[in-house]
Amino acid sequence: MRLLLISDTHVPKRARDMPAAVWEAVDDADVVVHAGDWVTPDLLDRLHDRARLLVACWGNNDGDELRSRLPERADVTLGGVRFTVTHETGASGGRDERMGRLYPDTDVLVFGHSHIPWDGTASTGLRLLNPGSPTDRRRQPFCTYMTASINDGALTDVVLHRL
């Protein structure tokens, strides 16, 4: 199973649209995971129509319409791997262990908010992934997104892509 992980798209405020490479990754993915900060419902509608399966939540920049259509926290099991998708996880210091305690029944936590890519693992075994942003690099050198795979009940091939 092929996954695309994105967050903090901020369309159309930070970019008119997602980059072509990200749309190509949508077409290649079995599951698209979006960890919030859409800004307007238009991108949600287009991604929902194009993705085979979309797992998503709202972020702090998402208004009432997006919040009425998306959960604050999305939980799903994909290929035997338990995922939670949420936008904010708080300060980076101690994040892996703090999230490991808060999400004891999750295997992979996908989050956003900071626009800073993150790939960590708590002592509990919880994998934490932040794909950064494909449209707003902020203080990062590149805009980014992640891809991953699920094989035999395990998350594999996690790759951070630079745009």
Protein backbone atom coordinates (compact mmCIF):
# COMPACT_ATOMS: atom_id res chain seq x y z
CA MET A 1 0.00 0.00 0.00
CA ARG A 2 1.47 3.37 -1.06
CA LEU A 3 0.90 6.46 1.12
CA LEU A 4 1.25 10.18 0.47
CA LEU A 5 1.62 12.35 3.58
CA ILE A 6 1.01 16.10 3.32
CA SER A 7 0.10 18.96 5.63
CA ASP A 8 -0.11 22.72 5.79
CA THR A 9 -1.06 23.27 2.17
CA HIS A 10 -2.57 26.72 2.88
CA VAL A 11 -4.13 26.91 -0.61
CA PRO A 12 -4.78 29.56 -1.94
CA LYS A 13 -3.18 31.83 0.68
CA ARG A 14 0.42 30.55 0.43
CA ALA A 15 0.20 29.01 -3.04
CA ARG A 16 -2.35 28.95 -5.83
CA ASP A 17 -2.29 25.17 -5.85
CA MET A 18 -0.20 22.21 -4.78
CA PRO A 19 2.86 21.58 -6.96
CA ALA A 20 2.48 19.23 -9.93
CA ALA A 21 4.80 16.68 -8.27
CA VAL A 22 2.40 16.44 -5.32
CA TRP A 23 -0.61 15.93 -7.61
CA GLU A 24 1.36 13.17 -9.37
CA ALA A 25 2.02 11.60 -5.96
CA VAL A 26 -1.74 11.78 -5.24
CA ASP A 27 -2.35 9.79 -8.42
CA ASP A 28 0.27 7.19 -7.42
CA ALA A 29 -0.92 6.78 -3.83
CA ASP A 30 -3.42 4.29 -2.52
CA VAL A 31 -4.02 6.58 0.48
CA VAL A 32 -3.51 10.33 0.87
CA VAL A 33 -3.07 11.59 4.44
CA HIS A 34 -3.49 15.34 5.06
CA ALA A 35 -2.72 16.69 8.54
CA GLY A 36 -4.63 19.97 8.36
CA ASP A 37 -4.35 23.64 7.47
CA TRP A 38 -6.20 23.48 4.18
CA VAL A 39 -7.51 27.07 4.55
CA THR A 40 -10.41 26.70 2.07
CA PRO A 41 -12.69 23.77 1.19
CA ASP A 42 -11.80 23.88 -2.52
CA LEU A 43 -8.60 21.86 -2.09
CA LEU A 44 -10.41 19.36 0.14
CA ASP A 45 -13.02 18.85 -2.58
CA ARG A 46 -10.43 18.42 -5.33
CA LEU A 47 -8.28 16.07 -3.26
CA HIS A 48 -11.32 14.05 -2.20
CA ASP A 49 -12.33 13.65 -5.86
CA ARG A 50 -8.84 12.65 -7.00
CA ALA A 51 -7.48 10.48 -4.17
CA ARG A 52 -8.37 6.79 -3.96
CA LEU A 53 -8.74 7.21 -0.18
CA LEU A 54 -8.31 10.42 1.82
CA VAL A 55 -7.64 10.44 5.57
CA ALA A 56 -7.59 13.98 6.92
CA CYS A 57 -8.17 16.37 9.80
CA TRP A 58 -8.57 20.11 10.21
CA GLY A 59 -5.88 22.51 11.39
CA ASN A 60 -5.78 25.77 13.31
CA ASN A 61 -6.12 27.85 10.11
CA ASP A 62 -9.23 26.00 8.98
CA GLY A 63 -12.58 27.71 9.44
CA ASP A 64 -16.02 26.48 10.35
CA GLU A 65 -16.83 24.82 7.01
CA LEU A 66 -13.70 22.66 7.04
CA ARG A 67 -14.17 21.88 10.73
CA SER A 68 -17.72 20.75 10.03
CA ARG A 69 -16.47 18.34 7.35
CA LEU A 70 -13.29 17.03 8.97
CA PRO A 71 -12.41 15.71 12.44
CA GLU A 72 -9.82 17.25 14.71
CA ARG A 73 -8.31 13.78 14.97
CA ALA A 74 -8.67 11.03 12.35
CA ASP A 75 -7.98 7.42 13.30
CA VAL A 76 -7.70 4.66 10.72
CA THR A 77 -6.10 1.23 10.39
CA LEU A 78 -4.35 0.68 7.06
CA GLY A 79 -2.84 -2.68 6.23
CA GLY A 80 -2.79 -3.58 9.93
CA VAL A 81 -1.03 -0.32 10.95
CA ARG A 82 -2.95 2.02 13.29
CA PHE A 83 -2.70 5.69 12.25
CA THR A 84 -3.77 8.87 13.98
CA VAL A 85 -3.79 12.12 12.04
CA THR A 86 -3.91 15.41 13.94
CA HIS A 87 -2.61 18.88 13.26
CA GLU A 88 -0.90 20.08 16.42
CA THR A 89 1.34 18.23 18.88
CA GLY A 90 2.80 21.11 20.89
CA ALA A 91 6.44 21.97 21.47
CA SER A 92 9.14 19.92 19.77
CA GLY A 93 11.02 19.33 23.03
CA GLY A 94 9.96 15.96 24.40
CA ARG A 95 7.40 15.49 21.60
CA ASP A 96 8.16 11.84 20.84
CA GLU A 97 7.75 10.67 24.44
CA ARG A 98 4.79 12.98 25.15
CA MET A 99 2.92 11.73 22.09
CA GLY A 100 3.84 8.15 22.95
CA ARG A 101 1.99 8.60 26.24
CA LEU A 102 -0.99 10.41 24.64
CA TYR A 103 -1.46 7.91 21.81
CA PRO A 104 -0.84 4.46 23.35
CA ASP A 105 -3.08 2.69 20.82
CA THR A 106 -1.52 4.26 17.71
CA ASP A 107 1.38 2.94 15.65
CA VAL A 108 1.96 6.05 13.50
CA LEU A 109 1.07 9.65 14.33
CA VAL A 110 0.97 12.02 11.35
CA PHE A 111 0.92 15.69 12.30
CA GLY A 112 1.62 19.14 10.89
CA HIS A 113 1.47 22.74 12.07
CA SER A 114 5.19 23.60 12.29
CA HIS A 115 6.00 23.13 8.56
CA ILE A 116 9.14 21.40 9.87
CA PRO A 117 9.64 17.81 8.70
CA TRP A 118 9.88 15.31 11.56
CA ASP A 119 10.54 11.59 11.68
CA GLY A 120 10.88 10.28 15.20
CA THR A 121 10.05 7.26 17.29
CA ALA A 122 8.96 7.24 20.93
CA SER A 123 10.23 4.61 23.34
CA THR A 124 6.71 3.12 23.15
CA GLY A 125 7.32 2.39 19.46
CA LEU A 126 5.03 5.18 18.21
CA ARG A 127 6.37 6.59 14.93
CA LEU A 128 5.84 10.34 14.53
CA LEU A 129 5.84 11.86 11.05
CA ASN A 130 5.44 15.48 9.99
CA PRO A 131 5.71 15.87 6.21
CA GLY A 132 6.37 19.62 6.38
CA SER A 133 4.54 21.71 3.80
CA PRO A 134 4.52 21.33 0.00
CA THR A 135 3.58 24.99 -0.46
CA ASP A 136 5.00 27.08 2.42
CA ARG A 137 8.55 26.31 3.53
CA ARG A 138 8.62 29.08 6.14
CA ARG A 139 12.14 28.93 7.59
CA GLN A 140 12.94 25.55 6.01
CA PRO A 141 15.27 25.33 2.99
CA PHE A 142 12.67 23.43 0.92
CA CYS A 143 8.97 22.73 0.68
CA THR A 144 8.41 19.05 1.43
CA TYR A 145 6.06 16.07 1.51
CA MET A 146 6.48 12.40 2.47
CA THR A 147 5.71 9.07 0.91
CA ALA A 148 5.68 5.71 2.65
CA SER A 149 4.52 2.16 2.17
CA ILE A 150 2.79 -0.46 4.24
CA ASN A 151 4.11 -3.96 3.69
CA ASP A 152 3.17 -7.03 5.71
CA GLY A 153 1.62 -4.94 8.49
CA ALA A 154 4.59 -2.58 8.84
CA LEU A 155 5.32 0.99 7.79
CA THR A 156 8.28 0.99 5.38
CA ASP A 157 10.05 3.17 2.86
CA VAL A 158 9.39 6.53 4.55
CA VAL A 159 10.88 9.18 2.25
CA LEU A 160 10.96 12.95 2.66
CA HIS A 161 10.71 14.63 -0.75
CA ARG A 162 12.05 18.12 -1.38
CA LEU A 163 10.31 20.41 -3.84
